Amino acid sequence: MDILTRQLREWLKLIAGDSFAASILAAVGVICFLAFGLGAAYDLVGGLLVLGLVTAIFEARSRAKNQR
């Protein structure tokens, strides 16, 4: 159990420091819920994954510009 807890903490540190990774993780989490929980169509799931990826890239670039 200690190894699992340590591994989860390392993953959280990795994701918390990177807004791009957090955005992708949130998008994939919502889409997985739609796909497996509600049985959404493959076209909808694929489109939402692409939309989530494009949104995360745009957010990462705009944050990088703001930090300059």
C-alpha atoms as a PDB file:
ATOM      1  CA  MET A   1       0.000   0.000   0.000  1.00  0.00           C
ATOM      2  CA  ASP A   2       2.870   2.348   0.753  1.00  0.00           C
ATOM      3  CA  ILE A   3       4.293   1.902  -2.740  1.00  0.00           C
ATOM      4  CA  LEU A   4       0.939   2.729  -4.338  1.00  0.00           C
ATOM      5  CA  THR A   5       0.534   5.839  -2.193  1.00  0.00           C
ATOM      6  CA  ARG A   6       4.043   7.001  -3.028  1.00  0.00           C
ATOM      7  CA  GLN A   7       3.453   6.438  -6.744  1.00  0.00           C
ATOM      8  CA  LEU A   8       0.170   8.387  -6.673  1.00  0.00           C
ATOM      9  CA  ARG A   9       1.866  11.293  -4.906  1.00  0.00           C
ATOM     10  CA  GLU A  10       4.591  11.371  -7.558  1.00  0.00           C
ATOM     11  CA  TRP A  11       1.987  11.436 -10.328  1.00  0.00           C
ATOM     12  CA  LEU A  12       0.114  14.248  -8.607  1.00  0.00           C
ATOM     13  CA  LYS A  13       3.303  16.291  -8.297  1.00  0.00           C
ATOM     14  CA  LEU A  14       3.995  15.734 -11.988  1.00  0.00           C
ATOM     15  CA  ILE A  15       0.497  16.730 -13.095  1.00  0.00           C
ATOM     16  CA  ALA A  16       0.020  19.632 -10.673  1.00  0.00           C
ATOM     17  CA  GLY A  17       3.068  21.446 -12.017  1.00  0.00           C
ATOM     18  CA  ASP A  18       1.962  21.281 -15.633  1.00  0.00           C
ATOM     19  CA  SER A  19      -1.297  22.894 -16.738  1.00  0.00           C
ATOM     20  CA  PHE A  20      -1.145  21.101 -20.099  1.00  0.00           C
ATOM     21  CA  ALA A  21      -1.101  17.687 -18.442  1.00  0.00           C
ATOM     22  CA  ALA A  22      -3.909  18.678 -16.079  1.00  0.00           C
ATOM     23  CA  SER A  23      -6.069  19.883 -18.981  1.00  0.00           C
ATOM     24  CA  ILE A  24      -5.524  16.687 -20.937  1.00  0.00           C
ATOM     25  CA  LEU A  25      -6.250  14.568 -17.863  1.00  0.00           C
ATOM     26  CA  ALA A  26      -9.510  16.436 -17.214  1.00  0.00           C
ATOM     27  CA  ALA A  27     -10.627  16.100 -20.833  1.00  0.00           C
ATOM     28  CA  VAL A  28      -9.821  12.404 -20.968  1.00  0.00           C
ATOM     29  CA  GLY A  29     -11.607  11.829 -17.642  1.00  0.00           C
ATOM     30  CA  VAL A  30     -14.812  13.446 -18.859  1.00  0.00           C
ATOM     31  CA  ILE A  31     -14.666  11.633 -22.181  1.00  0.00           C
ATOM     32  CA  CYS A  32     -14.053   8.268 -20.503  1.00  0.00           C
ATOM     33  CA  PHE A  33     -17.134   8.868 -18.368  1.00  0.00           C
ATOM     34  CA  LEU A  34     -19.164   9.620 -21.486  1.00  0.00           C
ATOM     35  CA  ALA A  35     -17.799   6.617 -23.350  1.00  0.00           C
ATOM     36  CA  PHE A  36     -18.004   3.971 -20.653  1.00  0.00           C
ATOM     37  CA  GLY A  37     -20.617   5.382 -18.298  1.00  0.00           C
ATOM     38  CA  LEU A  38     -23.178   6.645 -20.774  1.00  0.00           C
ATOM     39  CA  GLY A  39     -22.285   4.594 -23.838  1.00  0.00           C
ATOM     40  CA  ALA A  40     -21.655   7.552 -26.146  1.00  0.00           C
ATOM     41  CA  ALA A  41     -20.997   6.981 -29.849  1.00  0.00           C
ATOM     42  CA  TYR A  42     -17.413   6.613 -31.070  1.00  0.00           C
ATOM     43  CA  ASP A  43     -17.737   9.680 -33.294  1.00  0.00           C
ATOM     44  CA  LEU A  44     -18.665  11.831 -30.314  1.00  0.00           C
ATOM     45  CA  VAL A  45     -15.885  10.436 -28.148  1.00  0.00           C
ATOM     46  CA  GLY A  46     -13.238  10.940 -30.848  1.00  0.00           C
ATOM     47  CA  GLY A  47     -14.411  14.469 -31.589  1.00  0.00           C
ATOM     48  CA  LEU A  48     -14.346  15.405 -27.929  1.00  0.00           C
ATOM     49  CA  LEU A  49     -10.839  13.988 -27.505  1.00  0.00           C
ATOM     50  CA  VAL A  50      -9.597  16.112 -30.404  1.00  0.00           C
ATOM     51  CA  LEU A  51     -11.400  19.170 -29.040  1.00  0.00           C
ATOM     52  CA  GLY A  52      -9.882  18.590 -25.597  1.00  0.00           C
ATOM     53  CA  LEU A  53      -6.402  18.266 -27.081  1.00  0.00           C
ATOM     54  CA  VAL A  54      -6.752  21.467 -29.133  1.00  0.00           C
ATOM     55  CA  THR A  55      -8.104  23.344 -26.111  1.00  0.00           C
ATOM     56  CA  ALA A  56      -5.242  22.151 -23.907  1.00  0.00           C
ATOM     57  CA  ILE A  57      -2.648  23.186 -26.499  1.00  0.00           C
ATOM     58  CA  PHE A  58      -4.225  26.633 -26.845  1.00  0.00           C
ATOM     59  CA  GLU A  59      -4.342  27.057 -23.068  1.00  0.00           C
ATOM     60  CA  ALA A  60      -0.707  26.024 -22.666  1.00  0.00           C
ATOM     61  CA  ARG A  61       0.423  28.467 -25.357  1.00  0.00           C
ATOM     62  CA  SER A  62      -1.612  31.360 -23.970  1.00  0.00           C
ATOM     63  CA  ARG A  63      -0.273  30.742 -20.449  1.00  0.00           C
ATOM     64  CA  ALA A  64       3.277  30.640 -21.803  1.00  0.00           C
ATOM     65  CA  LYS A  65       2.756  34.003 -23.511  1.00  0.00           C
ATOM     66  CA  ASN A  66       1.323  35.513 -20.317  1.00  0.00           C
ATOM     67  CA  GLN A  67       4.326  34.353 -18.256  1.00  0.00           C
ATOM     68  CA  ARG A  68       6.826  36.129 -20.510  1.00  0.00           C
END
